Amino acid sequence: MSDQDPDRLDLPQGTLELLALQVIAGEPLHGYEIARRLHILSAELLRVEEGSLYPALHRLERRGFVKGTWGTSDTGRKVRVYRATAPGRRELDARRTRWRALRVAVDGVLDAVGGTA
């Protein structure tokens, strides 16, 4: 959580890359559409800013997990469209597996008997 906005959720390091890769794996999208989908799919709890999203996309692209190409948006603007590569899909599967294991471990601690709420 942030001191400035008590309703803001701060993502753990690497989580934005996982979420962006998940959304891109469904279909090629440009940055604004990726951010919009993450907002909608998270029940409007996540609001991803350009200053966070584009560096994450560039890291994924440098690692060969996504490929960016120039395209045109619905409004006719020139945009960078990102799609998942085969190595990116394998990486997504590995990251999802690690995320789910981490979630189980954290939930186990949080739900432990004798814990405080």
PDB file of N, CA and C in Angstrom:
ATOM      1  N   MET A   1       0.832  -1.189   0.000  1.00  0.00           N
ATOM      2  CA  MET A   1       0.000   0.000   0.000  1.00  0.00           C
ATOM      3  C   MET A   1       0.874   1.248   0.000  1.00  0.00           C
ATOM      4  N   SER A   2       0.329   2.303  -0.460  1.00  0.00           N
ATOM      5  CA  SER A   2       1.054   3.555  -0.556  1.00  0.00           C
ATOM      6  C   SER A   2       0.549   4.536   0.477  1.00  0.00           C
ATOM      7  N   ASP A   3       1.465   5.371   0.988  1.00  0.00           N
ATOM      8  CA  ASP A   3       1.057   6.407   1.930  1.00  0.00           C
ATOM      9  C   ASP A   3       0.170   7.437   1.254  1.00  0.00           C
ATOM     10  N   GLN A   4       0.381   7.674  -0.042  1.00  0.00           N
ATOM     11  CA  GLN A   4      -0.372   8.690  -0.754  1.00  0.00           C
ATOM     12  C   GLN A   4      -1.789   8.246  -1.092  1.00  0.00           C
ATOM     13  N   ASP A   5      -1.988   7.010  -1.439  1.00  0.00           N
ATOM     14  CA  ASP A   5      -3.301   6.499  -1.830  1.00  0.00           C
ATOM     15  C   ASP A   5      -3.529   5.172  -1.125  1.00  0.00           C
ATOM     16  N   PRO A   6      -4.351   5.167  -0.077  1.00  0.00           N
ATOM     17  CA  PRO A   6      -4.537   3.941   0.706  1.00  0.00           C
ATOM     18  C   PRO A   6      -5.194   2.803  -0.074  1.00  0.00           C
ATOM     19  N   ASP A   7      -5.835   3.093  -1.209  1.00  0.00           N
ATOM     20  CA  ASP A   7      -6.478   2.049  -2.001  1.00  0.00           C
ATOM     21  C   ASP A   7      -5.568   1.479  -3.090  1.00  0.00           C
ATOM     22  N   ARG A   8      -4.381   2.060  -3.240  1.00  0.00           N
ATOM     23  CA  ARG A   8      -3.460   1.615  -4.286  1.00  0.00           C
ATOM     24  C   ARG A   8      -2.760   0.334  -3.859  1.00  0.00           C
ATOM     25  N   LEU A   9      -2.717  -0.633  -4.772  1.00  0.00           N
ATOM     26  CA  LEU A   9      -2.015  -1.885  -4.532  1.00  0.00           C
ATOM     27  C   LEU A   9      -0.664  -1.833  -5.225  1.00  0.00           C
ATOM     28  N   ASP A  10       0.406  -2.014  -4.475  1.00  0.00           N
ATOM     29  CA  ASP A  10       1.745  -2.055  -5.047  1.00  0.00           C
ATOM     30  C   ASP A  10       2.081  -3.505  -5.380  1.00  0.00           C
ATOM     31  N   LEU A  11       2.492  -3.739  -6.612  1.00  0.00           N
ATOM     32  CA  LEU A  11       2.816  -5.089  -7.055  1.00  0.00           C
ATOM     33  C   LEU A  11       4.219  -5.475  -6.619  1.00  0.00           C
ATOM     34  N   PRO A  12       4.392  -6.711  -6.144  1.00  0.00           N
ATOM     35  CA  PRO A  12       5.749  -7.189  -5.863  1.00  0.00           C
ATOM     36  C   PRO A  12       6.579  -7.181  -7.141  1.00  0.00           C
ATOM     37  N   GLN A  13       7.882  -7.033  -7.002  1.00  0.00           N
ATOM     38  CA  GLN A  13       8.788  -6.983  -8.146  1.00  0.00           C
ATOM     39  C   GLN A  13       8.576  -8.184  -9.059  1.00  0.00           C
ATOM     40  N   GLY A  14       8.520  -7.928 -10.337  1.00  0.00           N
ATOM     41  CA  GLY A  14       8.355  -8.981 -11.332  1.00  0.00           C
ATOM     42  C   GLY A  14       6.911  -9.330 -11.642  1.00  0.00           C
ATOM     43  N   THR A  15       5.984  -8.889 -10.808  1.00  0.00           N
ATOM     44  CA  THR A  15       4.584  -9.252 -11.003  1.00  0.00           C
ATOM     45  C   THR A  15       3.985  -8.579 -12.237  1.00  0.00           C
ATOM     46  N   LEU A  16       4.354  -7.329 -12.488  1.00  0.00           N
ATOM     47  CA  LEU A  16       3.815  -6.640 -13.659  1.00  0.00           C
ATOM     48  C   LEU A  16       4.233  -7.352 -14.943  1.00  0.00           C
ATOM     49  N   GLU A  17       5.466  -7.838 -14.999  1.00  0.00           N
ATOM     50  CA  GLU A  17       5.906  -8.588 -16.174  1.00  0.00           C
ATOM     51  C   GLU A  17       5.053  -9.841 -16.357  1.00  0.00           C
ATOM     52  N   LEU A  18       4.796 -10.551 -15.273  1.00  0.00           N
ATOM     53  CA  LEU A  18       3.955 -11.746 -15.326  1.00  0.00           C
ATOM     54  C   LEU A  18       2.565 -11.402 -15.858  1.00  0.00           C
ATOM     55  N   LEU A  19       1.957 -10.362 -15.316  1.00  0.00           N
ATOM     56  CA  LEU A  19       0.597  -9.995 -15.708  1.00  0.00           C
ATOM     57  C   LEU A  19       0.547  -9.500 -17.149  1.00  0.00           C
ATOM     58  N   ALA A  20       1.518  -8.702 -17.553  1.00  0.00           N
ATOM     59  CA  ALA A  20       1.553  -8.224 -18.939  1.00  0.00           C
ATOM     60  C   ALA A  20       1.736  -9.390 -19.899  1.00  0.00           C
ATOM     61  N   LEU A  21       2.620 -10.303 -19.560  1.00  0.00           N
ATOM     62  CA  LEU A  21       2.851 -11.474 -20.404  1.00  0.00           C
ATOM     63  C   LEU A  21       1.587 -12.327 -20.508  1.00  0.00           C
ATOM     64  N   GLN A  22       0.866 -12.460 -19.424  1.00  0.00           N
ATOM     65  CA  GLN A  22      -0.391 -13.213 -19.428  1.00  0.00           C
ATOM     66  C   GLN A  22      -1.400 -12.586 -20.390  1.00  0.00           C
ATOM     67  N   VAL A  23      -1.537 -11.284 -20.335  1.00  0.00           N
ATOM     68  CA  VAL A  23      -2.504 -10.595 -21.190  1.00  0.00           C
ATOM     69  C   VAL A  23      -2.077 -10.664 -22.653  1.00  0.00           C
ATOM     70  N   ILE A  24      -0.799 -10.470 -22.917  1.00  0.00           N
ATOM     71  CA  ILE A  24      -0.281 -10.497 -24.288  1.00  0.00           C
ATOM     72  C   ILE A  24      -0.365 -11.908 -24.881  1.00  0.00           C
ATOM     73  N   ALA A  25      -0.266 -12.923 -24.039  1.00  0.00           N
ATOM     74  CA  ALA A  25      -0.332 -14.300 -24.536  1.00  0.00           C
ATOM     75  C   ALA A  25      -1.687 -14.580 -25.192  1.00  0.00           C
ATOM     76  N   GLY A  26      -2.709 -13.862 -24.764  1.00  0.00           N
ATOM     77  CA  GLY A  26      -4.040 -14.050 -25.344  1.00  0.00           C
ATOM     78  C   GLY A  26      -4.149 -13.482 -26.748  1.00  0.00           C
ATOM     79  N   GLU A  27      -3.541 -12.323 -26.967  1.00  0.00           N
ATOM     80  CA  GLU A  27      -3.562 -11.676 -28.281  1.00  0.00           C
ATOM     81  C   GLU A  27      -2.589 -10.509 -28.280  1.00  0.00           C
ATOM     82  N   PRO A  28      -2.072 -10.148 -29.444  1.00  0.00           N
ATOM     83  CA  PRO A  28      -1.177  -8.992 -29.513  1.00  0.00           C
ATOM     84  C   PRO A  28      -1.926  -7.715 -29.121  1.00  0.00           C
ATOM     85  N   LEU A  29      -1.285  -6.892 -28.293  1.00  0.00           N
ATOM     86  CA  LEU A  29      -1.911  -5.664 -27.815  1.00  0.00           C
ATOM     87  C   LEU A  29      -0.889  -4.543 -27.719  1.00  0.00           C
ATOM     88  N   HIS A  30      -1.367  -3.316 -27.796  1.00  0.00           N
ATOM     89  CA  HIS A  30      -0.494  -2.167 -27.562  1.00  0.00           C
ATOM     90  C   HIS A  30      -0.575  -1.781 -26.089  1.00  0.00           C
ATOM     91  N   GLY A  31       0.372  -0.951 -25.652  1.00  0.00           N
ATOM     92  CA  GLY A  31       0.530  -0.651 -24.236  1.00  0.00           C
ATOM     93  C   GLY A  31      -0.718  -0.159 -23.533  1.00  0.00           C
ATOM     94  N   TYR A  32      -1.427   0.796 -24.136  1.00  0.00           N
ATOM     95  CA  TYR A  32      -2.633   1.319 -23.496  1.00  0.00           C
ATOM     96  C   TYR A  32      -3.652   0.206 -23.288  1.00  0.00           C
ATOM     97  N   GLU A  33      -3.789  -0.662 -24.283  1.00  0.00           N
ATOM     98  CA  GLU A  33      -4.764  -1.756 -24.189  1.00  0.00           C
ATOM     99  C   GLU A  33      -4.330  -2.780 -23.137  1.00  0.00           C
ATOM    100  N   ILE A  34      -3.037  -3.012 -23.001  1.00  0.00           N
ATOM    101  CA  ILE A  34      -2.540  -3.915 -21.953  1.00  0.00           C
ATOM    102  C   ILE A  34      -2.924  -3.358 -20.580  1.00  0.00           C
ATOM    103  N   ALA A  35      -2.655  -2.075 -20.371  1.00  0.00           N
ATOM    104  CA  ALA A  35      -2.987  -1.440 -19.086  1.00  0.00           C
ATOM    105  C   ALA A  35      -4.485  -1.495 -18.830  1.00  0.00           C
ATOM    106  N   ARG A  36      -5.283  -1.237 -19.859  1.00  0.00           N
ATOM    107  CA  ARG A  36      -6.748  -1.263 -19.716  1.00  0.00           C
ATOM    108  C   ARG A  36      -7.240  -2.664 -19.363  1.00  0.00           C
ATOM    109  N   ARG A  37      -6.700  -3.679 -20.027  1.00  0.00           N
ATOM    110  CA  ARG A  37      -7.112  -5.061 -19.730  1.00  0.00           C
ATOM    111  C   ARG A  37      -6.740  -5.453 -18.306  1.00  0.00           C
ATOM    112  N   LEU A  38      -5.547  -5.074 -17.867  1.00  0.00           N
ATOM    113  CA  LEU A  38      -5.136  -5.393 -16.497  1.00  0.00           C
ATOM    114  C   LEU A  38      -6.071  -4.735 -15.497  1.00  0.00           C
ATOM    115  N   HIS A  39      -6.477  -3.514 -15.780  1.00  0.00           N
ATOM    116  CA  HIS A  39      -7.402  -2.806 -14.901  1.00  0.00           C
ATOM    117  C   HIS A  39      -8.748  -3.529 -14.840  1.00  0.00           C
ATOM    118  N   ILE A  40      -9.273  -3.897 -15.980  1.00  0.00           N
ATOM    119  CA  ILE A  40     -10.575  -4.575 -16.044  1.00  0.00           C
ATOM    120  C   ILE A  40     -10.509  -5.963 -15.417  1.00  0.00           C
ATOM    121  N   LEU A  41      -9.494  -6.753 -15.796  1.00  0.00           N
ATOM    122  CA  LEU A  41      -9.389  -8.127 -15.304  1.00  0.00           C
ATOM    123  C   LEU A  41      -9.114  -8.200 -13.806  1.00  0.00           C
ATOM    124  N   SER A  42      -8.581  -7.144 -13.229  1.00  0.00           N
ATOM    125  CA  SER A  42      -8.301  -7.119 -11.787  1.00  0.00           C
ATOM    126  C   SER A  42      -9.458  -6.536 -10.993  1.00  0.00           C
ATOM    127  N   ALA A  43     -10.644  -6.519 -11.584  1.00  0.00           N
ATOM    128  CA  ALA A  43     -11.814  -5.923 -10.941  1.00  0.00           C
ATOM    129  C   ALA A  43     -11.536  -4.454 -10.598  1.00  0.00           C
ATOM    130  N   GLU A  44     -10.766  -3.812 -11.473  1.00  0.00           N
ATOM    131  CA  GLU A  44     -10.418  -2.393 -11.367  1.00  0.00           C
ATOM    132  C   GLU A  44      -9.576  -2.057 -10.143  1.00  0.00           C
ATOM    133  N   LEU A  45      -8.866  -3.052  -9.603  1.00  0.00           N
ATOM    134  CA  LEU A  45      -7.982  -2.818  -8.462  1.00  0.00           C
ATOM    135  C   LEU A  45      -6.585  -2.397  -8.897  1.00  0.00           C
ATOM    136  N   LEU A  46      -6.171  -2.829 -10.081  1.00  0.00           N
ATOM    137  CA  LEU A  46      -4.841  -2.480 -10.564  1.00  0.00           C
ATOM    138  C   LEU A  46      -4.948  -1.363 -11.591  1.00  0.00           C
ATOM    139  N   ARG A  47      -4.167  -0.329 -11.372  1.00  0.00           N
ATOM    140  CA  ARG A  47      -4.067   0.762 -12.352  1.00  0.00           C
ATOM    141  C   ARG A  47      -2.586   0.901 -12.675  1.00  0.00           C
ATOM    142  N   VAL A  48      -2.227   0.433 -13.860  1.00  0.00           N
ATOM    143  CA  VAL A  48      -0.828   0.401 -14.265  1.00  0.00           C
ATOM    144  C   VAL A  48      -0.503   1.680 -15.017  1.00  0.00           C
ATOM    145  N   GLU A  49       0.523   2.356 -14.565  1.00  0.00           N
ATOM    146  CA  GLU A  49       0.954   3.603 -15.189  1.00  0.00           C
ATOM    147  C   GLU A  49       1.959   3.308 -16.305  1.00  0.00           C
ATOM    148  N   GLU A  50       1.996   4.204 -17.301  1.00  0.00           N
ATOM    149  CA  GLU A  50       2.931   4.047 -18.417  1.00  0.00           C
ATOM    150  C   GLU A  50       4.376   3.947 -17.939  1.00  0.00           C
ATOM    151  N   GLY A  51       4.710   4.704 -16.904  1.00  0.00           N
ATOM    152  CA  GLY A  51       6.076   4.724 -16.387  1.00  0.00           C
ATOM    153  C   GLY A  51       6.505   3.404 -15.788  1.00  0.00           C
ATOM    154  N   SER A  52       5.565   2.531 -15.497  1.00  0.00           N
ATOM    155  CA  SER A  52       5.873   1.187 -15.009  1.00  0.00           C
ATOM    156  C   SER A  52       5.713   0.151 -16.114  1.00  0.00           C
ATOM    157  N   LEU A  53       4.676   0.309 -16.928  1.00  0.00           N
ATOM    158  CA  LEU A  53       4.363  -0.699 -17.936  1.00  0.00           C
ATOM    159  C   LEU A  53       5.423  -0.774 -19.036  1.00  0.00           C
ATOM    160  N   TYR A  54       5.792   0.355 -19.603  1.00  0.00           N
ATOM    161  CA  TYR A  54       6.712   0.310 -20.743  1.00  0.00           C
ATOM    162  C   TYR A  54       8.093  -0.221 -20.375  1.00  0.00           C
ATOM    163  N   PRO A  55       8.656   0.140 -19.232  1.00  0.00           N
ATOM    164  CA  PRO A  55       9.920  -0.503 -18.862  1.00  0.00           C
ATOM    165  C   PRO A  55       9.774  -2.021 -18.702  1.00  0.00           C
ATOM    166  N   ALA A  56       8.644  -2.492 -18.165  1.00  0.00           N
ATOM    167  CA  ALA A  56       8.415  -3.934 -18.028  1.00  0.00           C
ATOM    168  C   ALA A  56       8.330  -4.589 -19.406  1.00  0.00           C
ATOM    169  N   LEU A  57       7.618  -3.950 -20.332  1.00  0.00           N
ATOM    170  CA  LEU A  57       7.521  -4.492 -21.692  1.00  0.00           C
ATOM    171  C   LEU A  57       8.889  -4.515 -22.379  1.00  0.00           C
ATOM    172  N   HIS A  58       9.673  -3.475 -22.161  1.00  0.00           N
ATOM    173  CA  HIS A  58      11.010  -3.435 -22.764  1.00  0.00           C
ATOM    174  C   HIS A  58      11.915  -4.520 -22.188  1.00  0.00           C
ATOM    175  N   ARG A  59      11.797  -4.783 -20.875  1.00  0.00           N
ATOM    176  CA  ARG A  59      12.579  -5.879 -20.279  1.00  0.00           C
ATOM    177  C   ARG A  59      12.172  -7.215 -20.895  1.00  0.00           C
ATOM    178  N   LEU A  60      10.868  -7.433 -21.048  1.00  0.00           N
ATOM    179  CA  LEU A  60      10.388  -8.669 -21.652  1.00  0.00           C
ATOM    180  C   LEU A  60      10.871  -8.791 -23.097  1.00  0.00           C
ATOM    181  N   GLU A  61      10.896  -7.678 -23.797  1.00  0.00           N
ATOM    182  CA  GLU A  61      11.340  -7.698 -25.185  1.00  0.00           C
ATOM    183  C   GLU A  61      12.837  -7.993 -25.277  1.00  0.00           C
ATOM    184  N   ARG A  62      13.629  -7.369 -24.407  1.00  0.00           N
ATOM    185  CA  ARG A  62      15.081  -7.630 -24.410  1.00  0.00           C
ATOM    186  C   ARG A  62      15.384  -9.093 -24.135  1.00  0.00           C
ATOM    187  N   ARG A  63      14.575  -9.728 -23.306  1.00  0.00           N
ATOM    188  CA  ARG A  63      14.788 -11.146 -22.975  1.00  0.00           C
ATOM    189  C   ARG A  63      14.221 -12.086 -24.035  1.00  0.00           C
ATOM    190  N   GLY A  64      13.555 -11.529 -25.038  1.00  0.00           N
ATOM    191  CA  GLY A  64      13.000 -12.354 -26.114  1.00  0.00           C
ATOM    192  C   GLY A  64      11.660 -12.973 -25.780  1.00  0.00           C
ATOM    193  N   PHE A  65      11.002 -12.513 -24.718  1.00  0.00           N
ATOM    194  CA  PHE A  65       9.720 -13.081 -24.305  1.00  0.00           C
ATOM    195  C   PHE A  65       8.538 -12.446 -25.027  1.00  0.00           C
ATOM    196  N   VAL A  66       8.714 -11.225 -25.504  1.00  0.00           N
ATOM    197  CA  VAL A  66       7.699 -10.569 -26.324  1.00  0.00           C
ATOM    198  C   VAL A  66       8.386  -9.944 -27.522  1.00  0.00           C
ATOM    199  N   LYS A  67       7.623  -9.730 -28.565  1.00  0.00           N
ATOM    200  CA  LYS A  67       8.115  -9.069 -29.776  1.00  0.00           C
ATOM    201  C   LYS A  67       7.220  -7.863 -30.010  1.00  0.00           C
ATOM    202  N   GLY A  68       7.841  -6.706 -30.157  1.00  0.00           N
ATOM    203  CA  GLY A  68       7.100  -5.492 -30.433  1.00  0.00           C
ATOM    204  C   GLY A  68       7.224  -5.106 -31.891  1.00  0.00           C
ATOM    205  N   THR A  69       6.104  -4.772 -32.511  1.00  0.00           N
ATOM    206  CA  THR A  69       6.089  -4.303 -33.893  1.00  0.00           C
ATOM    207  C   THR A  69       5.195  -3.069 -33.965  1.00  0.00           C
ATOM    208  N   TRP A  70       5.437  -2.242 -34.951  1.00  0.00           N
ATOM    209  CA  TRP A  70       4.630  -1.045 -35.102  1.00  0.00           C
ATOM    210  C   TRP A  70       3.332  -1.375 -35.809  1.00  0.00           C
ATOM    211  N   GLY A  71       2.265  -0.794 -35.297  1.00  0.00           N
ATOM    212  CA  GLY A  71       0.946  -0.988 -35.884  1.00  0.00           C
ATOM    213  C   GLY A  71       0.141   0.288 -35.733  1.00  0.00           C
ATOM    214  N   THR A  72      -1.147   0.192 -35.992  1.00  0.00           N
ATOM    215  CA  THR A  72      -2.047   1.331 -35.903  1.00  0.00           C
ATOM    216  C   THR A  72      -3.176   0.993 -34.944  1.00  0.00           C
ATOM    217  N   SER A  73      -3.485   1.932 -34.049  1.00  0.00           N
ATOM    218  CA  SER A  73      -4.575   1.726 -33.093  1.00  0.00           C
ATOM    219  C   SER A  73      -5.922   1.911 -33.783  1.00  0.00           C
ATOM    220  N   ASP A  74      -6.990   1.641 -33.057  1.00  0.00           N
ATOM    221  CA  ASP A  74      -8.349   1.827 -33.577  1.00  0.00           C
ATOM    222  C   ASP A  74      -8.609   3.278 -33.959  1.00  0.00           C
ATOM    223  N   THR A  75      -7.878   4.194 -33.318  1.00  0.00           N
ATOM    224  CA  THR A  75      -8.067   5.622 -33.594  1.00  0.00           C
ATOM    225  C   THR A  75      -7.110   6.131 -34.666  1.00  0.00           C
ATOM    226  N   GLY A  76      -6.314   5.229 -35.258  1.00  0.00           N
ATOM    227  CA  GLY A  76      -5.418   5.617 -36.328  1.00  0.00           C
ATOM    228  C   GLY A  76      -4.037   6.071 -35.877  1.00  0.00           C
ATOM    229  N   ARG A  77      -3.761   5.982 -34.587  1.00  0.00           N
ATOM    230  CA  ARG A  77      -2.454   6.386 -34.082  1.00  0.00           C
ATOM    231  C   ARG A  77      -1.447   5.256 -34.268  1.00  0.00           C
ATOM    232  N   LYS A  78      -0.198   5.634 -34.487  1.00  0.00           N
ATOM    233  CA  LYS A  78       0.885   4.661 -34.588  1.00  0.00           C
ATOM    234  C   LYS A  78       1.201   4.166 -33.175  1.00  0.00           C
ATOM    235  N   VAL A  79       1.178   2.842 -32.984  1.00  0.00           N
ATOM    236  CA  VAL A  79       1.408   2.252 -31.664  1.00  0.00           C
ATOM    237  C   VAL A  79       2.341   1.052 -31.788  1.00  0.00           C
ATOM    238  N   ARG A  80       2.984   0.721 -30.688  1.00  0.00           N
ATOM    239  CA  ARG A  80       3.833  -0.473 -30.621  1.00  0.00           C
ATOM    240  C   ARG A  80       2.948  -1.607 -30.116  1.00  0.00           C
ATOM    241  N   VAL A  81       2.814  -2.659 -30.891  1.00  0.00           N
ATOM    242  CA  VAL A  81       1.987  -3.811 -30.546  1.00  0.00           C
ATOM    243  C   VAL A  81       2.911  -4.935 -30.090  1.00  0.00           C
ATOM    244  N   TYR A  82       2.580  -5.517 -28.946  1.00  0.00           N
ATOM    245  CA  TYR A  82       3.407  -6.568 -28.352  1.00  0.00           C
ATOM    246  C   TYR A  82       2.688  -7.903 -28.434  1.00  0.00           C
ATOM    247  N   ARG A  83       3.447  -8.939 -28.764  1.00  0.00           N
ATOM    248  CA  ARG A  83       2.909 -10.304 -28.781  1.00  0.00           C
ATOM    249  C   ARG A  83       3.895 -11.214 -28.072  1.00  0.00           C
ATOM    250  N   ALA A  84       3.380 -12.268 -27.483  1.00  0.00           N
ATOM    251  CA  ALA A  84       4.228 -13.242 -26.790  1.00  0.00           C
ATOM    252  C   ALA A  84       4.930 -14.120 -27.821  1.00  0.00           C
ATOM    253  N   THR A  85       6.182 -14.425 -27.555  1.00  0.00           N
ATOM    254  CA  THR A  85       6.954 -15.342 -28.401  1.00  0.00           C
ATOM    255  C   THR A  85       6.845 -16.748 -27.797  1.00  0.00           C
ATOM    256  N   ALA A  86       7.344 -17.743 -28.516  1.00  0.00           N
ATOM    257  CA  ALA A  86       7.348 -19.112 -27.973  1.00  0.00           C
ATOM    258  C   ALA A  86       8.137 -19.177 -26.662  1.00  0.00           C
ATOM    259  N   PRO A  87       9.342 -18.584 -26.589  1.00  0.00           N
ATOM    260  CA  PRO A  87      10.036 -18.581 -25.295  1.00  0.00           C
ATOM    261  C   PRO A  87       9.245 -17.815 -24.222  1.00  0.00           C
ATOM    262  N   GLY A  88       8.517 -16.786 -24.649  1.00  0.00           N
ATOM    263  CA  GLY A  88       7.700 -16.031 -23.705  1.00  0.00           C
ATOM    264  C   GLY A  88       6.571 -16.861 -23.131  1.00  0.00           C
ATOM    265  N   ARG A  89       5.991 -17.698 -23.943  1.00  0.00           N
ATOM    266  CA  ARG A  89       4.905 -18.581 -23.458  1.00  0.00           C
ATOM    267  C   ARG A  89       5.453 -19.617 -22.473  1.00  0.00           C
ATOM    268  N   ARG A  90       6.649 -20.123 -22.754  1.00  0.00           N
ATOM    269  CA  ARG A  90       7.276 -21.059 -21.806  1.00  0.00           C
ATOM    270  C   ARG A  90       7.607 -20.350 -20.496  1.00  0.00           C
ATOM    271  N   GLU A  91       8.107 -19.123 -20.611  1.00  0.00           N
ATOM    272  CA  GLU A  91       8.416 -18.335 -19.421  1.00  0.00           C
ATOM    273  C   GLU A  91       7.151 -18.035 -18.633  1.00  0.00           C
ATOM    274  N   LEU A  92       6.074 -17.735 -19.316  1.00  0.00           N
ATOM    275  CA  LEU A  92       4.793 -17.485 -18.656  1.00  0.00           C
ATOM    276  C   LEU A  92       4.354 -18.703 -17.863  1.00  0.00           C
ATOM    277  N   ASP A  93       4.444 -19.872 -18.450  1.00  0.00           N
ATOM    278  CA  ASP A  93       4.073 -21.105 -17.743  1.00  0.00           C
ATOM    279  C   ASP A  93       4.923 -21.281 -16.479  1.00  0.00           C
ATOM    280  N   ALA A  94       6.228 -21.045 -16.592  1.00  0.00           N
ATOM    281  CA  ALA A  94       7.131 -21.196 -15.445  1.00  0.00           C
ATOM    282  C   ALA A  94       6.809 -20.167 -14.364  1.00  0.00           C
ATOM    283  N   ARG A  95       6.567 -18.928 -14.771  1.00  0.00           N
ATOM    284  CA  ARG A  95       6.256 -17.877 -13.790  1.00  0.00           C
ATOM    285  C   ARG A  95       4.907 -18.121 -13.109  1.00  0.00           C
ATOM    286  N   ARG A  96       3.932 -18.608 -13.864  1.00  0.00           N
ATOM    287  CA  ARG A  96       2.630 -18.920 -13.249  1.00  0.00           C
ATOM    288  C   ARG A  96       2.788 -20.020 -12.202  1.00  0.00           C
ATOM    289  N   THR A  97       3.576 -21.034 -12.518  1.00  0.00           N
ATOM    290  CA  THR A  97       3.816 -22.118 -11.564  1.00  0.00           C
ATOM    291  C   THR A  97       4.467 -21.592 -10.290  1.00  0.00           C
ATOM    292  N   ARG A  98       5.501 -20.751 -10.443  1.00  0.00           N
ATOM    293  CA  ARG A  98       6.173 -20.174  -9.265  1.00  0.00           C
ATOM    294  C   ARG A  98       5.233 -19.258  -8.479  1.00  0.00           C
ATOM    295  N   TRP A  99       4.418 -18.463  -9.185  1.00  0.00           N
ATOM    296  CA  TRP A  99       3.476 -17.558  -8.509  1.00  0.00           C
ATOM    297  C   TRP A  99       2.477 -18.359  -7.676  1.00  0.00           C
ATOM    298  N   ARG A 100       1.935 -19.414  -8.252  1.00  0.00           N
ATOM    299  CA  ARG A 100       0.940 -20.227  -7.537  1.00  0.00           C
ATOM    300  C   ARG A 100       1.547 -20.900  -6.303  1.00  0.00           C
ATOM    301  N   ALA A 101       2.781 -21.352  -6.408  1.00  0.00           N
ATOM    302  CA  ALA A 101       3.462 -21.954  -5.254  1.00  0.00           C
ATOM    303  C   ALA A 101       3.696 -20.898  -4.179  1.00  0.00           C
ATOM    304  N   LEU A 102       4.112 -19.707  -4.586  1.00  0.00           N
ATOM    305  CA  LEU A 102       4.311 -18.624  -3.627  1.00  0.00           C
ATOM    306  C   LEU A 102       3.003 -18.244  -2.953  1.00  0.00           C
ATOM    307  N   ARG A 103       1.938 -18.171  -3.730  1.00  0.00           N
ATOM    308  CA  ARG A 103       0.620 -17.823  -3.179  1.00  0.00           C
ATOM    309  C   ARG A 103       0.185 -18.839  -2.123  1.00  0.00           C
ATOM    310  N   VAL A 104       0.382 -20.101  -2.397  1.00  0.00           N
ATOM    311  CA  VAL A 104       0.028 -21.143  -1.431  1.00  0.00           C
ATOM    312  C   VAL A 104       0.852 -20.990  -0.154  1.00  0.00           C
ATOM    313  N   ALA A 105       2.144 -20.725  -0.316  1.00  0.00           N
ATOM    314  CA  ALA A 105       3.022 -20.579   0.846  1.00  0.00           C
ATOM    315  C   ALA A 105       2.625 -19.364   1.689  1.00  0.00           C
ATOM    316  N   VAL A 106       2.377 -18.241   1.049  1.00  0.00           N
ATOM    317  CA  VAL A 106       1.995 -17.027   1.788  1.00  0.00           C
ATOM    318  C   VAL A 106       0.641 -17.208   2.449  1.00  0.00           C
ATOM    319  N   ASP A 107      -0.315 -17.775   1.737  1.00  0.00           N
ATOM    320  CA  ASP A 107      -1.635 -18.029   2.337  1.00  0.00           C
ATOM    321  C   ASP A 107      -1.517 -18.955   3.540  1.00  0.00           C
ATOM    322  N   GLY A 108      -0.628 -19.947   3.454  1.00  0.00           N
ATOM    323  CA  GLY A 108      -0.432 -20.860   4.578  1.00  0.00           C
ATOM    324  C   GLY A 108       0.025 -20.130   5.826  1.00  0.00           C
ATOM    325  N   VAL A 109       0.919 -19.188   5.648  1.00  0.00           N
ATOM    326  CA  VAL A 109       1.402 -18.411   6.804  1.00  0.00           C
ATOM    327  C   VAL A 109       0.299 -17.481   7.303  1.00  0.00           C
ATOM    328  N   LEU A 110      -0.365 -16.784   6.387  1.00  0.00           N
ATOM    329  CA  LEU A 110      -1.401 -15.824   6.797  1.00  0.00           C
ATOM    330  C   LEU A 110      -2.593 -16.499   7.455  1.00  0.00           C
ATOM    331  N   ASP A 111      -2.871 -17.723   7.052  1.00  0.00           N
ATOM    332  CA  ASP A 111      -4.034 -18.434   7.589  1.00  0.00           C
ATOM    333  C   ASP A 111      -3.695 -19.329   8.777  1.00  0.00           C
ATOM    334  N   ALA A 112      -2.440 -19.289   9.208  1.00  0.00           N
ATOM    335  CA  ALA A 112      -1.999 -20.157  10.304  1.00  0.00           C
ATOM    336  C   ALA A 112      -2.784 -19.877  11.584  1.00  0.00           C
ATOM    337  N   VAL A 113      -3.054 -20.923  12.311  1.00  0.00           N
ATOM    338  CA  VAL A 113      -3.725 -20.796  13.597  1.00  0.00           C
ATOM    339  C   VAL A 113      -2.832 -19.985  14.516  1.00  0.00           C
ATOM    340  N   GLY A 114      -3.425 -19.084  15.266  1.00  0.00           N
ATOM    341  CA  GLY A 114      -2.660 -18.267  16.210  1.00  0.00           C
ATOM    342  C   GLY A 114      -2.175 -16.975  15.601  1.00  0.00           C
ATOM    343  N   GLY A 115      -2.398 -16.794  14.305  1.00  0.00           N
ATOM    344  CA  GLY A 115      -1.994 -15.550  13.659  1.00  0.00           C
ATOM    345  C   GLY A 115      -2.932 -14.422  14.051  1.00  0.00           C
ATOM    346  N   THR A 116      -2.510 -13.218  13.824  1.00  0.00           N
ATOM    347  CA  THR A 116      -3.359 -12.062  14.120  1.00  0.00           C
ATOM    348  C   THR A 116      -3.921 -11.515  12.825  1.00  0.00           C
ATOM    349  N   ALA A 117      -5.081 -10.955  12.909  1.00  0.00           N
ATOM    350  CA  ALA A 117      -5.723 -10.405  11.714  1.00  0.00           C
ATOM    351  C   ALA A 117      -5.564  -8.911  11.671  1.00  0.00           C
TER     352      ALA A 117
END
